Amino acid sequence: MAIKHLDVLKLLAAAGLVEAIDGDVKRCAHWARLGPAAAEREPAQIGAEVMENVLLRWNCILQADPAEVAPLYVHKTALALAVCLHRQGFADAELTDAAVAAIAALNAAVALNDTFHRRSADIETLLRSPALMPARRPSQAKAHTAWRAGDVVGMQVGDRHHAFHVREVSQGAPIVEFYDIVQDTPLAWEHLQGVVARGERLNDGRAYVDRHALYGLQYQPDPAHQFRLLASGIAQGPDNAHLARHSGLYAVTDVFRMARDLLP
């Protein structure tokens, strides 16, 4: 009997990881399929957008230094990503190959139960079968976050590292303000001492206070390792006295759009 996506995800015995990946895939699929323009796009175009957004975040695990992330966690992540994406109608040959390799590695390490071992061939067959997009776009869960006002957070986008301060939490989303710093190695709290706020330069040539409601920033610690807590209980964020003010309080975005905006 063929195995179902949810059955595979249960066999991974990693409920928190699966929940995070499934939520991210559904968020990206929801937005990629939203609006009348989406109906005119080829499934391959939608899939490419979803893959790019999801992997920009989860490559923080898939491409991590083995000394920083346990190999079995990487394998579970690759397999969960491939299954969750396939369930929504998306597949990538490279990720599928990584997921199949993960099955072998998890079995070699006897990391999961006998059922996983017995159904390994069925799991590979599922992953290599055509990915069919459901008729309806996936729904999104109610916004929530485990991050708190006063947290200082490091954010990785590709090979670059940024940092922001959580000013408050509003309707399940942290309201954040970035420090004006970016570097090729992970940031620490000590690196942020004396660093001012990053502004947004508008058409009038002036730099303005730049704050964002960052939806999708839910788990602490972050299972994707894209966001890392650098400090907590920091009442004062980066100094923004040098920046002009405008009427808006903050811009609404999410972790995927923010990551794209921060790409060099």
Protein backbone atom coordinates (compact mmCIF):
# COMPACT_ATOMS: atom_id res chain seq x y z
CA MET A 1 0.00 0.00 0.00
CA ALA A 2 1.27 3.46 -0.91
CA ILE A 3 2.43 5.66 1.92
CA LYS A 4 0.97 9.14 2.50
CA HIS A 5 2.82 12.36 3.18
CA LEU A 6 1.49 12.68 6.72
CA ASP A 7 2.52 9.12 7.50
CA VAL A 8 6.11 9.90 6.49
CA LEU A 9 6.17 13.06 8.58
CA LYS A 10 4.94 11.16 11.65
CA LEU A 11 7.68 8.55 11.19
CA LEU A 12 10.34 11.26 11.51
CA ALA A 13 9.53 11.58 15.23
CA ALA A 14 10.31 15.31 15.07
CA ALA A 15 6.99 17.05 15.65
CA GLY A 16 8.43 20.51 16.27
CA LEU A 17 10.66 20.45 13.19
CA VAL A 18 7.85 19.13 11.00
CA GLU A 19 5.41 21.74 12.29
CA ALA A 20 7.86 24.55 11.51
CA ILE A 21 8.67 23.30 8.02
CA ASP A 22 5.05 22.57 7.15
CA GLY A 23 4.01 26.05 8.31
CA ASP A 24 6.75 27.70 6.25
CA VAL A 25 5.88 25.73 3.11
CA LYS A 26 2.19 26.55 3.49
CA ARG A 27 2.92 30.25 4.04
CA CYS A 28 5.06 30.44 0.91
CA ALA A 29 2.58 28.41 -1.15
CA HIS A 30 -0.32 30.53 0.07
CA TRP A 31 1.29 33.79 -1.03
CA ALA A 32 2.60 32.38 -4.31
CA ARG A 33 -0.91 31.24 -5.25
CA LEU A 34 -2.75 34.33 -3.99
CA GLY A 35 -4.59 36.73 -6.30
CA PRO A 36 -5.92 36.53 -9.86
CA ALA A 37 -2.44 36.73 -11.39
CA ALA A 38 -1.53 33.38 -9.81
CA ALA A 39 -4.14 31.61 -11.94
CA GLU A 40 -2.25 32.66 -15.07
CA ARG A 41 1.11 31.35 -13.85
CA GLU A 42 2.48 27.94 -14.69
CA PRO A 43 2.81 25.54 -11.74
CA ALA A 44 6.55 25.42 -12.42
CA GLN A 45 6.77 29.20 -11.92
CA ILE A 46 4.89 29.00 -8.64
CA GLY A 47 7.02 26.08 -7.55
CA ALA A 48 10.26 27.91 -8.34
CA GLU A 49 9.15 30.87 -6.21
CA VAL A 50 8.14 28.66 -3.29
CA MET A 51 11.37 26.66 -3.47
CA GLU A 52 13.52 29.79 -3.55
CA ASN A 53 11.81 31.30 -0.53
CA VAL A 54 11.71 28.13 1.56
CA LEU A 55 15.32 27.15 0.84
CA LEU A 56 16.66 30.65 1.49
CA ARG A 57 15.54 30.07 5.06
CA TRP A 58 16.18 26.34 5.53
CA ASN A 59 19.55 26.30 3.79
CA CYS A 60 20.79 27.64 7.12
CA ILE A 61 20.45 23.98 8.16
CA LEU A 62 21.05 22.15 4.88
CA GLN A 63 24.30 24.02 4.18
CA ALA A 64 25.47 24.38 7.77
CA ASP A 65 28.91 23.42 8.98
CA PRO A 66 28.71 19.82 10.29
CA ALA A 67 30.40 21.04 13.46
CA GLU A 68 27.44 23.34 14.16
CA VAL A 69 24.45 21.15 13.25
CA ALA A 70 24.13 17.42 13.92
CA PRO A 71 24.09 15.45 10.64
CA LEU A 72 20.96 13.52 11.62
CA TYR A 73 19.11 16.82 12.14
CA VAL A 74 20.20 17.90 8.66
CA HIS A 75 18.92 14.62 7.21
CA LYS A 76 15.56 14.90 8.98
CA THR A 77 15.27 18.49 7.74
CA ALA A 78 15.98 17.53 4.13
CA LEU A 79 13.44 14.73 4.22
CA ALA A 80 10.75 16.81 5.95
CA LEU A 81 11.26 19.65 3.45
CA ALA A 82 10.96 17.34 0.46
CA VAL A 83 7.81 15.69 1.84
CA CYS A 84 6.07 18.95 2.83
CA LEU A 85 6.88 20.57 -0.52
CA HIS A 86 5.77 17.49 -2.47
CA ARG A 87 2.51 17.50 -0.53
CA GLN A 88 1.81 21.02 -1.82
CA GLY A 89 2.72 20.11 -5.40
CA PHE A 90 6.37 21.17 -5.53
CA ALA A 91 9.52 19.17 -6.15
CA ASP A 92 13.18 19.88 -6.79
CA ALA A 93 15.53 17.21 -8.14
CA GLU A 94 18.45 18.23 -5.93
CA LEU A 95 16.32 18.32 -2.78
CA THR A 96 14.69 15.00 -3.67
CA ASP A 97 18.13 13.40 -4.05
CA ALA A 98 19.14 14.84 -0.68
CA ALA A 99 15.97 13.45 0.89
CA VAL A 100 16.59 9.98 -0.56
CA ALA A 101 20.17 10.11 0.73
CA ALA A 102 18.74 11.16 4.10
CA ILE A 103 16.57 8.04 4.19
CA ALA A 104 19.66 5.87 3.79
CA ALA A 105 21.61 7.84 6.39
CA LEU A 106 18.81 7.68 8.95
CA ASN A 107 18.51 3.94 8.44
CA ALA A 108 22.27 3.43 8.69
CA ALA A 109 22.26 5.27 12.01
CA VAL A 110 19.17 3.36 13.20
CA ALA A 111 17.80 6.80 14.04
CA LEU A 112 14.14 5.89 13.50
CA ASN A 113 11.89 2.90 14.09
CA ASP A 114 11.44 -0.32 12.15
CA THR A 115 8.39 1.01 10.33
CA PHE A 116 10.49 3.77 8.77
CA HIS A 117 13.06 1.19 7.67
CA ARG A 118 10.40 -1.11 6.18
CA ARG A 119 8.67 1.74 4.34
CA SER A 120 11.84 3.39 3.02
CA ALA A 121 11.29 2.21 -0.55
CA ASP A 122 7.69 3.47 -0.42
CA ILE A 123 8.89 6.87 0.83
CA GLU A 124 11.36 7.15 -2.05
CA THR A 125 8.63 6.16 -4.52
CA LEU A 126 6.38 8.88 -3.11
CA LEU A 127 9.09 11.54 -3.39
CA ARG A 128 9.94 10.58 -6.98
CA SER A 129 6.29 10.51 -8.07
CA PRO A 130 4.83 13.58 -9.86
CA ALA A 131 4.04 16.34 -7.36
CA LEU A 132 0.42 17.42 -7.83
CA MET A 133 -0.67 20.83 -6.60
CA PRO A 134 -3.88 20.73 -4.50
CA ALA A 135 -6.88 22.51 -5.98
CA ARG A 136 -6.99 24.96 -3.09
CA ARG A 137 -4.12 26.99 -1.76
CA PRO A 138 -3.18 26.10 1.83
CA SER A 139 -4.54 28.12 4.72
CA GLN A 140 -2.34 29.91 7.23
CA ALA A 141 -2.31 29.40 10.96
CA LYS A 142 -3.10 32.26 13.31
CA ALA A 143 -0.06 34.47 13.88
CA HIS A 144 1.90 33.83 17.06
CA THR A 145 5.46 34.25 18.28
CA ALA A 146 7.63 33.03 21.13
CA TRP A 147 9.95 36.04 20.76
CA ARG A 148 9.51 38.90 23.22
CA ALA A 149 10.01 42.64 23.44
CA GLY A 150 13.60 43.36 24.35
CA ASP A 151 15.05 40.43 22.42
CA VAL A 152 18.03 41.17 20.20
CA VAL A 153 18.12 38.75 17.29
CA GLY A 154 20.74 37.74 14.74
CA MET A 155 19.39 36.92 11.27
CA GLN A 156 21.23 34.98 8.58
CA VAL A 157 20.46 35.54 4.89
CA GLY A 158 22.73 33.49 2.67
CA ASP A 159 26.28 34.15 3.85
CA ARG A 160 25.45 37.50 5.47
CA HIS A 161 24.44 38.21 9.05
CA HIS A 162 22.17 41.02 10.28
CA ALA A 163 20.68 41.90 13.67
CA PHE A 164 17.52 43.56 14.93
CA HIS A 165 15.85 44.59 18.18
CA VAL A 166 12.28 43.54 19.03
CA ARG A 167 10.54 46.72 20.17
CA GLU A 168 7.19 45.10 20.94
CA VAL A 169 4.87 42.32 19.83
CA SER A 170 1.62 43.26 18.09
CA GLN A 171 -1.05 40.80 16.93
CA GLY A 172 1.37 37.89 16.98
CA ALA A 173 4.17 39.65 15.10
CA PRO A 174 7.40 41.10 16.54
CA ILE A 175 7.88 44.77 15.64
CA VAL A 176 11.58 45.00 14.80
CA GLU A 177 14.21 47.62 14.05
CA PHE A 178 17.52 46.64 12.44
CA TYR A 179 20.98 47.60 13.55
CA ASP A 180 23.03 49.20 10.77
CA ILE A 181 25.51 46.36 10.53
CA VAL A 182 26.07 43.38 8.25
CA GLN A 183 28.98 40.98 8.16
CA ASP A 184 30.03 37.57 6.84
CA THR A 185 30.29 35.91 10.25
CA PRO A 186 27.60 35.48 12.93
CA LEU A 187 27.00 38.55 15.06
CA ALA A 188 27.18 38.65 18.84
CA TRP A 189 25.73 41.16 21.28
CA GLU A 190 29.18 42.68 21.74
CA HIS A 191 29.33 43.60 18.03
CA LEU A 192 26.24 45.80 18.38
CA GLN A 193 27.52 48.17 21.04
CA GLY A 194 27.36 51.70 19.65
CA VAL A 195 25.78 50.61 16.35
CA VAL A 196 22.94 52.90 15.25
CA ALA A 197 19.65 51.94 13.61
CA ARG A 198 19.46 51.17 9.92
CA GLY A 199 17.20 53.57 8.04
CA GLU A 200 15.25 53.49 4.80
CA ARG A 201 16.24 56.04 2.16
CA LEU A 202 13.23 57.39 0.27
CA ASN A 203 12.87 59.38 -2.95
CA ASP A 204 13.45 62.68 -1.18
CA GLY A 205 16.98 61.54 -0.39
CA ARG A 206 16.42 61.39 3.37
CA ALA A 207 16.83 58.29 5.54
CA TYR A 208 13.80 57.45 7.67
CA VAL A 209 13.13 55.24 10.68
CA ASP A 210 12.53 51.74 9.31
CA ARG A 211 10.49 49.29 11.40
CA HIS A 212 8.74 46.08 10.40
CA ALA A 213 6.02 43.78 11.70
CA LEU A 214 7.80 40.48 11.04
CA TYR A 215 5.14 37.78 10.63
CA GLY A 216 6.27 34.17 10.51
CA LEU A 217 8.93 34.68 13.18
CA GLN A 218 7.39 32.14 15.53
CA TYR A 219 9.74 29.72 17.26
CA GLN A 220 12.44 30.44 19.81
CA PRO A 221 14.87 28.82 19.40
CA ASP A 222 14.40 28.83 15.65
CA PRO A 223 14.51 25.28 14.21
CA ALA A 224 15.90 26.65 10.93
CA HIS A 225 18.76 28.39 12.77
CA GLN A 226 18.13 31.49 10.65
CA PHE A 227 17.30 33.55 13.74
CA ARG A 228 19.42 33.41 16.90
CA LEU A 229 18.88 35.09 20.24
CA LEU A 230 21.83 37.41 20.96
CA ALA A 231 20.46 39.10 24.09
CA SER A 232 17.18 39.51 25.97
CA GLY A 233 15.65 42.13 28.21
CA ILE A 234 17.22 44.99 26.23
CA ALA A 235 14.81 47.87 26.68
CA GLN A 236 16.60 50.31 24.39
CA GLY A 237 17.00 49.41 20.73
CA PRO A 238 19.51 50.92 18.30
CA ASP A 239 19.80 54.71 18.37
CA ASN A 240 17.69 56.22 15.57
CA ALA A 241 18.09 59.90 16.42
CA HIS A 242 19.84 60.48 13.08
CA LEU A 243 16.80 59.25 11.12
CA ALA A 244 13.79 61.28 9.99
CA ARG A 245 10.26 60.28 11.01
CA HIS A 246 7.25 59.64 8.79
CA SER A 247 3.59 58.98 9.48
CA GLY A 248 3.70 55.17 9.29
CA LEU A 249 4.45 53.17 12.43
CA TYR A 250 5.89 50.13 10.66
CA ALA A 251 5.72 48.12 7.44
CA VAL A 252 4.04 44.71 7.44
CA THR A 253 6.19 41.88 6.07
CA ASP A 254 7.18 38.31 6.87
CA VAL A 255 10.42 36.38 7.30
CA PHE A 256 10.53 35.36 3.63
CA ARG A 257 9.94 38.78 2.09
CA MET A 258 12.37 40.31 4.57
CA ALA A 259 15.04 37.77 3.63
CA ARG A 260 14.59 38.56 -0.07
CA ASP A 261 14.85 42.28 0.66
CA LEU A 262 18.14 41.71 2.49
CA LEU A 263 19.77 39.77 -0.33
CA PRO A 264 22.79 41.67 -1.73
